[in-house]
């Protein structure tokens, strides 16, 4: 099973990708995490990515393609994968077509207002990077796992979320039209509990 997860910020696609990974015993490939790992390990690609990532600039697409190609070539991907955070543009989807035959594209749909509300309520621990959802008066100001301070990331503030959503609509939503003719597209209501959304996904894939 080779699955692509698509959805706006706040749709919970990372969480759902984890659940699909466990259900089908295939790796969840979070491309954003892959990029951060390359930078942390100071690989040759990581050295080229570090500057643009720190400055918030657009990353060289050929480097992202190379990272994805390398990861999909590893042995644990032989039976499939859940790809999260790639492709984000038509050009990347075309590159991916040369690497693998995708079985399903899961699109989590969420109104912008709900996405802004969800992410604006997210707090991240500075110690263990654990993420919690809720206002400070609901979840407190310290992480229950490590005691670290809970803070709001700059890109989780409403204005920043709206900018990220606008970019998603402009660059990533065209992928829906790209994949629709293949009859592998599954559009899922992303509202509700994690379990409810996962049940919808599994019903669609079955």
C-alpha atoms as a PDB file:
ATOM      1  CA  UNK A   1       0.000   0.000   0.000  1.00  0.00           C
ATOM      2  CA  UNK A   2       1.557   3.267  -1.186  1.00  0.00           C
ATOM      3  CA  UNK A   3      -0.343   6.238   0.192  1.00  0.00           C
ATOM      4  CA  UNK A   4      -0.007   9.995  -0.107  1.00  0.00           C
ATOM      5  CA  UNK A   5      -1.499  12.173   2.639  1.00  0.00           C
ATOM      6  CA  UNK A   6      -2.638  15.657   1.631  1.00  0.00           C
ATOM      7  CA  UNK A   7      -4.294  18.240   3.841  1.00  0.00           C
ATOM      8  CA  UNK A   8      -4.018  21.803   5.110  1.00  0.00           C
ATOM      9  CA  UNK A   9      -2.175  22.761   8.247  1.00  0.00           C
ATOM     10  CA  UNK A  10      -4.152  21.653  11.283  1.00  0.00           C
ATOM     11  CA  UNK A  11      -5.933  18.819   9.477  1.00  0.00           C
ATOM     12  CA  UNK A  12      -4.104  16.158  11.507  1.00  0.00           C
ATOM     13  CA  UNK A  13      -2.566  14.396   8.520  1.00  0.00           C
ATOM     14  CA  UNK A  14       0.586  13.534  10.474  1.00  0.00           C
ATOM     15  CA  UNK A  15      -1.469  11.817  13.162  1.00  0.00           C
ATOM     16  CA  UNK A  16      -3.534   9.938  10.587  1.00  0.00           C
ATOM     17  CA  UNK A  17      -0.390   8.957   8.673  1.00  0.00           C
ATOM     18  CA  UNK A  18       0.985   7.432  11.891  1.00  0.00           C
ATOM     19  CA  UNK A  19      -2.189   5.395  12.332  1.00  0.00           C
ATOM     20  CA  UNK A  20      -2.108   4.166   8.730  1.00  0.00           C
ATOM     21  CA  UNK A  21       1.559   3.270   9.140  1.00  0.00           C
ATOM     22  CA  UNK A  22       0.749   1.056  12.113  1.00  0.00           C
ATOM     23  CA  UNK A  23      -2.340  -0.484  10.524  1.00  0.00           C
ATOM     24  CA  UNK A  24      -0.527  -1.538   7.335  1.00  0.00           C
ATOM     25  CA  UNK A  25       2.954  -2.044   8.870  1.00  0.00           C
ATOM     26  CA  UNK A  26       4.560   0.404   6.448  1.00  0.00           C
ATOM     27  CA  UNK A  27       6.774   3.415   7.221  1.00  0.00           C
ATOM     28  CA  UNK A  28       5.352   6.894   7.761  1.00  0.00           C
ATOM     29  CA  UNK A  29       7.664   9.168   5.802  1.00  0.00           C
ATOM     30  CA  UNK A  30       7.403  12.708   7.121  1.00  0.00           C
ATOM     31  CA  UNK A  31       9.423  14.697   4.578  1.00  0.00           C
ATOM     32  CA  UNK A  32       9.691  17.731   6.857  1.00  0.00           C
ATOM     33  CA  UNK A  33      11.254  15.526   9.512  1.00  0.00           C
ATOM     34  CA  UNK A  34      13.595  14.021   6.915  1.00  0.00           C
ATOM     35  CA  UNK A  35      14.826  17.497   6.005  1.00  0.00           C
ATOM     36  CA  UNK A  36      15.465  18.348   9.660  1.00  0.00           C
ATOM     37  CA  UNK A  37      17.349  15.083  10.155  1.00  0.00           C
ATOM     38  CA  UNK A  38      19.634  15.831   7.221  1.00  0.00           C
ATOM     39  CA  UNK A  39      20.414  19.246   8.683  1.00  0.00           C
ATOM     40  CA  UNK A  40      20.991  17.813  12.169  1.00  0.00           C
ATOM     41  CA  UNK A  41      23.310  15.089  10.838  1.00  0.00           C
ATOM     42  CA  UNK A  42      25.130  17.615   8.635  1.00  0.00           C
ATOM     43  CA  UNK A  43      24.900  15.448   5.540  1.00  0.00           C
ATOM     44  CA  UNK A  44      25.989  16.965   2.249  1.00  0.00           C
ATOM     45  CA  UNK A  45      22.350  17.702   1.415  1.00  0.00           C
ATOM     46  CA  UNK A  46      21.743  18.943   4.962  1.00  0.00           C
ATOM     47  CA  UNK A  47      24.534  21.495   4.640  1.00  0.00           C
ATOM     48  CA  UNK A  48      22.862  22.907   1.536  1.00  0.00           C
ATOM     49  CA  UNK A  49      19.464  23.016   3.226  1.00  0.00           C
ATOM     50  CA  UNK A  50      20.492  24.560   6.536  1.00  0.00           C
ATOM     51  CA  UNK A  51      20.826  28.156   5.341  1.00  0.00           C
ATOM     52  CA  UNK A  52      17.524  28.372   3.459  1.00  0.00           C
ATOM     53  CA  UNK A  53      15.669  26.571   6.269  1.00  0.00           C
ATOM     54  CA  UNK A  54      16.968  28.972   8.921  1.00  0.00           C
ATOM     55  CA  UNK A  55      16.006  31.963   6.780  1.00  0.00           C
ATOM     56  CA  UNK A  56      12.595  30.529   5.915  1.00  0.00           C
ATOM     57  CA  UNK A  57      13.422  30.613   2.220  1.00  0.00           C
ATOM     58  CA  UNK A  58      12.142  28.257  -0.462  1.00  0.00           C
ATOM     59  CA  UNK A  59      14.156  25.046  -0.487  1.00  0.00           C
ATOM     60  CA  UNK A  60      15.834  23.837  -3.688  1.00  0.00           C
ATOM     61  CA  UNK A  61      13.290  21.376  -5.154  1.00  0.00           C
ATOM     62  CA  UNK A  62      15.965  19.102  -6.584  1.00  0.00           C
ATOM     63  CA  UNK A  63      17.355  18.499  -3.085  1.00  0.00           C
ATOM     64  CA  UNK A  64      13.927  17.567  -1.714  1.00  0.00           C
ATOM     65  CA  UNK A  65      13.385  15.226  -4.674  1.00  0.00           C
ATOM     66  CA  UNK A  66      16.742  13.578  -3.985  1.00  0.00           C
ATOM     67  CA  UNK A  67      15.926  13.048  -0.304  1.00  0.00           C
ATOM     68  CA  UNK A  68      12.570  11.477  -1.167  1.00  0.00           C
ATOM     69  CA  UNK A  69      14.111   9.252  -3.834  1.00  0.00           C
ATOM     70  CA  UNK A  70      16.763   8.019  -1.388  1.00  0.00           C
ATOM     71  CA  UNK A  71      14.201   7.307   1.329  1.00  0.00           C
ATOM     72  CA  UNK A  72      11.806   5.426  -0.952  1.00  0.00           C
ATOM     73  CA  UNK A  73      14.728   3.307  -2.111  1.00  0.00           C
ATOM     74  CA  UNK A  74      15.312   1.911   1.389  1.00  0.00           C
ATOM     75  CA  UNK A  75      14.287  -1.681   2.104  1.00  0.00           C
ATOM     76  CA  UNK A  76      11.479  -0.872   4.553  1.00  0.00           C
ATOM     77  CA  UNK A  77       9.564   0.842   1.733  1.00  0.00           C
ATOM     78  CA  UNK A  78       9.426  -2.301  -0.408  1.00  0.00           C
ATOM     79  CA  UNK A  79       5.877  -3.130   0.733  1.00  0.00           C
ATOM     80  CA  UNK A  80       4.673   0.464   0.741  1.00  0.00           C
ATOM     81  CA  UNK A  81       4.732   3.738   2.641  1.00  0.00           C
ATOM     82  CA  UNK A  82       2.644   6.645   3.831  1.00  0.00           C
ATOM     83  CA  UNK A  83       4.078   9.847   2.378  1.00  0.00           C
ATOM     84  CA  UNK A  84       3.395  13.000   4.390  1.00  0.00           C
ATOM     85  CA  UNK A  85       4.457  16.457   3.202  1.00  0.00           C
ATOM     86  CA  UNK A  86       5.319  15.430  -0.360  1.00  0.00           C
ATOM     87  CA  UNK A  87       4.387  16.070  -3.075  1.00  0.00           C
ATOM     88  CA  UNK A  88       3.291  19.648  -2.532  1.00  0.00           C
ATOM     89  CA  UNK A  89       3.384  20.771  -6.142  1.00  0.00           C
ATOM     90  CA  UNK A  90       2.595  19.260  -9.535  1.00  0.00           C
ATOM     91  CA  UNK A  91       6.285  19.075 -10.453  1.00  0.00           C
ATOM     92  CA  UNK A  92       6.984  16.957  -7.375  1.00  0.00           C
ATOM     93  CA  UNK A  93       4.027  14.702  -8.178  1.00  0.00           C
ATOM     94  CA  UNK A  94       5.423  14.141 -11.664  1.00  0.00           C
ATOM     95  CA  UNK A  95       8.820  13.271 -10.176  1.00  0.00           C
ATOM     96  CA  UNK A  96       7.160  10.856  -7.757  1.00  0.00           C
ATOM     97  CA  UNK A  97       5.377   9.139 -10.644  1.00  0.00           C
ATOM     98  CA  UNK A  98       8.783   7.976 -11.875  1.00  0.00           C
ATOM     99  CA  UNK A  99       9.600   6.485  -8.469  1.00  0.00           C
ATOM    100  CA  UNK A 100       6.445   4.649  -7.421  1.00  0.00           C
ATOM    101  CA  UNK A 101       2.906   3.723  -8.434  1.00  0.00           C
ATOM    102  CA  UNK A 102       0.640   5.298  -5.841  1.00  0.00           C
ATOM    103  CA  UNK A 103      -2.319   3.231  -4.611  1.00  0.00           C
ATOM    104  CA  UNK A 104      -4.243   5.916  -2.723  1.00  0.00           C
ATOM    105  CA  UNK A 105      -4.267   9.660  -2.170  1.00  0.00           C
ATOM    106  CA  UNK A 106      -6.019  10.660   1.061  1.00  0.00           C
ATOM    107  CA  UNK A 107      -7.091  14.295   1.231  1.00  0.00           C
ATOM    108  CA  UNK A 108      -8.161  15.545   4.649  1.00  0.00           C
ATOM    109  CA  UNK A 109     -10.553  18.453   4.141  1.00  0.00           C
ATOM    110  CA  UNK A 110     -10.872  21.135   6.798  1.00  0.00           C
ATOM    111  CA  UNK A 111     -12.386  24.640   6.693  1.00  0.00           C
ATOM    112  CA  UNK A 112      -9.788  27.385   7.060  1.00  0.00           C
ATOM    113  CA  UNK A 113     -11.519  28.784  10.136  1.00  0.00           C
ATOM    114  CA  UNK A 114     -11.215  25.427  11.912  1.00  0.00           C
ATOM    115  CA  UNK A 115      -7.560  25.086  10.909  1.00  0.00           C
ATOM    116  CA  UNK A 116      -6.773  28.535  12.313  1.00  0.00           C
ATOM    117  CA  UNK A 117      -8.639  27.739  15.531  1.00  0.00           C
ATOM    118  CA  UNK A 118      -6.819  24.411  15.968  1.00  0.00           C
ATOM    119  CA  UNK A 119      -3.304  25.680  15.327  1.00  0.00           C
ATOM    120  CA  UNK A 120      -3.778  28.877  17.305  1.00  0.00           C
ATOM    121  CA  UNK A 121      -4.505  26.670  20.321  1.00  0.00           C
ATOM    122  CA  UNK A 122      -1.343  24.576  19.876  1.00  0.00           C
ATOM    123  CA  UNK A 123       1.508  24.894  22.345  1.00  0.00           C
ATOM    124  CA  UNK A 124       4.915  23.267  21.918  1.00  0.00           C
ATOM    125  CA  UNK A 125       7.283  22.206  24.703  1.00  0.00           C
ATOM    126  CA  UNK A 126      10.717  23.821  24.418  1.00  0.00           C
ATOM    127  CA  UNK A 127      12.250  20.788  26.111  1.00  0.00           C
ATOM    128  CA  UNK A 128      10.894  17.681  24.391  1.00  0.00           C
ATOM    129  CA  UNK A 129       8.998  19.325  21.477  1.00  0.00           C
ATOM    130  CA  UNK A 130       5.816  17.566  22.597  1.00  0.00           C
ATOM    131  CA  UNK A 131       2.723  19.345  21.257  1.00  0.00           C
ATOM    132  CA  UNK A 132      -0.478  20.024  23.165  1.00  0.00           C
ATOM    133  CA  UNK A 133      -3.715  21.639  22.057  1.00  0.00           C
ATOM    134  CA  UNK A 134      -5.624  24.021  24.263  1.00  0.00           C
ATOM    135  CA  UNK A 135      -5.440  27.454  25.787  1.00  0.00           C
ATOM    136  CA  UNK A 136      -2.947  28.050  28.635  1.00  0.00           C
ATOM    137  CA  UNK A 137      -5.746  28.060  31.189  1.00  0.00           C
ATOM    138  CA  UNK A 138      -6.714  24.582  29.953  1.00  0.00           C
ATOM    139  CA  UNK A 139      -3.344  22.855  29.592  1.00  0.00           C
ATOM    140  CA  UNK A 140      -1.157  24.965  31.867  1.00  0.00           C
ATOM    141  CA  UNK A 141       2.214  26.477  31.006  1.00  0.00           C
ATOM    142  CA  UNK A 142       4.489  23.483  31.682  1.00  0.00           C
ATOM    143  CA  UNK A 143       4.847  20.187  29.806  1.00  0.00           C
ATOM    144  CA  UNK A 144       3.486  17.232  31.736  1.00  0.00           C
ATOM    145  CA  UNK A 145       6.155  14.983  30.214  1.00  0.00           C
ATOM    146  CA  UNK A 146       9.356  16.871  31.007  1.00  0.00           C
ATOM    147  CA  UNK A 147       8.292  20.026  32.826  1.00  0.00           C
ATOM    148  CA  UNK A 148       9.527  22.250  30.003  1.00  0.00           C
ATOM    149  CA  UNK A 149       7.906  25.563  29.184  1.00  0.00           C
ATOM    150  CA  UNK A 150       5.011  25.514  26.727  1.00  0.00           C
ATOM    151  CA  UNK A 151       5.197  28.208  24.074  1.00  0.00           C
ATOM    152  CA  UNK A 152       3.336  29.165  20.908  1.00  0.00           C
ATOM    153  CA  UNK A 153       5.372  28.855  17.741  1.00  0.00           C
ATOM    154  CA  UNK A 154       5.446  31.937  15.535  1.00  0.00           C
ATOM    155  CA  UNK A 155       3.964  29.979  12.635  1.00  0.00           C
ATOM    156  CA  UNK A 156       1.034  28.897  14.826  1.00  0.00           C
ATOM    157  CA  UNK A 157      -0.147  32.467  15.364  1.00  0.00           C
ATOM    158  CA  UNK A 158      -3.360  33.271  13.423  1.00  0.00           C
ATOM    159  CA  UNK A 159      -1.786  35.588  10.843  1.00  0.00           C
ATOM    160  CA  UNK A 160       0.966  33.079  10.073  1.00  0.00           C
ATOM    161  CA  UNK A 161      -1.503  30.187   9.833  1.00  0.00           C
ATOM    162  CA  UNK A 162      -3.599  32.138   7.336  1.00  0.00           C
ATOM    163  CA  UNK A 163      -0.507  32.763   5.190  1.00  0.00           C
ATOM    164  CA  UNK A 164       0.370  29.055   5.262  1.00  0.00           C
ATOM    165  CA  UNK A 165      -3.186  28.118   4.318  1.00  0.00           C
ATOM    166  CA  UNK A 166      -3.136  30.529   1.385  1.00  0.00           C
ATOM    167  CA  UNK A 167       0.046  28.850   0.141  1.00  0.00           C
ATOM    168  CA  UNK A 168      -1.579  25.424   0.538  1.00  0.00           C
ATOM    169  CA  UNK A 169      -4.593  26.479  -1.551  1.00  0.00           C
ATOM    170  CA  UNK A 170      -2.356  27.956  -4.236  1.00  0.00           C
ATOM    171  CA  UNK A 171       0.330  25.275  -4.541  1.00  0.00           C
ATOM    172  CA  UNK A 172      -0.952  21.999  -3.081  1.00  0.00           C
ATOM    173  CA  UNK A 173      -4.677  21.866  -3.836  1.00  0.00           C
ATOM    174  CA  UNK A 174      -3.995  21.499  -7.604  1.00  0.00           C
ATOM    175  CA  UNK A 175      -2.711  18.014  -6.737  1.00  0.00           C
ATOM    176  CA  UNK A 176      -6.326  16.972  -6.150  1.00  0.00           C
ATOM    177  CA  UNK A 177      -7.146  17.654  -9.785  1.00  0.00           C
ATOM    178  CA  UNK A 178      -3.886  15.976 -10.836  1.00  0.00           C
ATOM    179  CA  UNK A 179      -4.698  12.672  -9.101  1.00  0.00           C
ATOM    180  CA  UNK A 180      -8.488  12.574  -9.536  1.00  0.00           C
ATOM    181  CA  UNK A 181      -8.497  10.947 -13.019  1.00  0.00           C
ATOM    182  CA  UNK A 182      -6.643   7.910 -11.619  1.00  0.00           C
ATOM    183  CA  UNK A 183      -9.528   6.904  -9.356  1.00  0.00           C
ATOM    184  CA  UNK A 184      -7.244   6.736  -6.310  1.00  0.00           C
ATOM    185  CA  UNK A 185      -8.468   9.945  -4.683  1.00  0.00           C
ATOM    186  CA  UNK A 186     -10.260   9.782  -1.315  1.00  0.00           C
ATOM    187  CA  UNK A 187     -11.577  13.081   0.072  1.00  0.00           C
ATOM    188  CA  UNK A 188     -12.148  12.760   3.813  1.00  0.00           C
ATOM    189  CA  UNK A 189     -13.890  15.100   6.254  1.00  0.00           C
ATOM    190  CA  UNK A 190     -11.086  16.054   8.668  1.00  0.00           C
ATOM    191  CA  UNK A 191     -13.398  17.336  11.392  1.00  0.00           C
ATOM    192  CA  UNK A 192     -14.146  15.332  14.517  1.00  0.00           C
ATOM    193  CA  UNK A 193     -12.081  13.086  16.750  1.00  0.00           C
ATOM    194  CA  UNK A 194      -8.904  11.343  15.618  1.00  0.00           C
ATOM    195  CA  UNK A 195     -10.695   7.983  15.800  1.00  0.00           C
ATOM    196  CA  UNK A 196     -13.671   9.230  13.785  1.00  0.00           C
ATOM    197  CA  UNK A 197     -11.453  10.591  11.010  1.00  0.00           C
ATOM    198  CA  UNK A 198      -9.376   7.401  10.916  1.00  0.00           C
ATOM    199  CA  UNK A 199     -12.551   5.315  10.630  1.00  0.00           C
ATOM    200  CA  UNK A 200     -13.587   7.376   7.592  1.00  0.00           C
ATOM    201  CA  UNK A 201     -10.175   6.848   6.013  1.00  0.00           C
ATOM    202  CA  UNK A 202     -10.275   3.100   6.535  1.00  0.00           C
ATOM    203  CA  UNK A 203     -13.809   2.857   5.121  1.00  0.00           C
ATOM    204  CA  UNK A 204     -12.632   4.726   2.014  1.00  0.00           C
ATOM    205  CA  UNK A 205      -9.545   2.543   1.559  1.00  0.00           C
ATOM    206  CA  UNK A 206     -11.484  -0.685   2.099  1.00  0.00           C
END
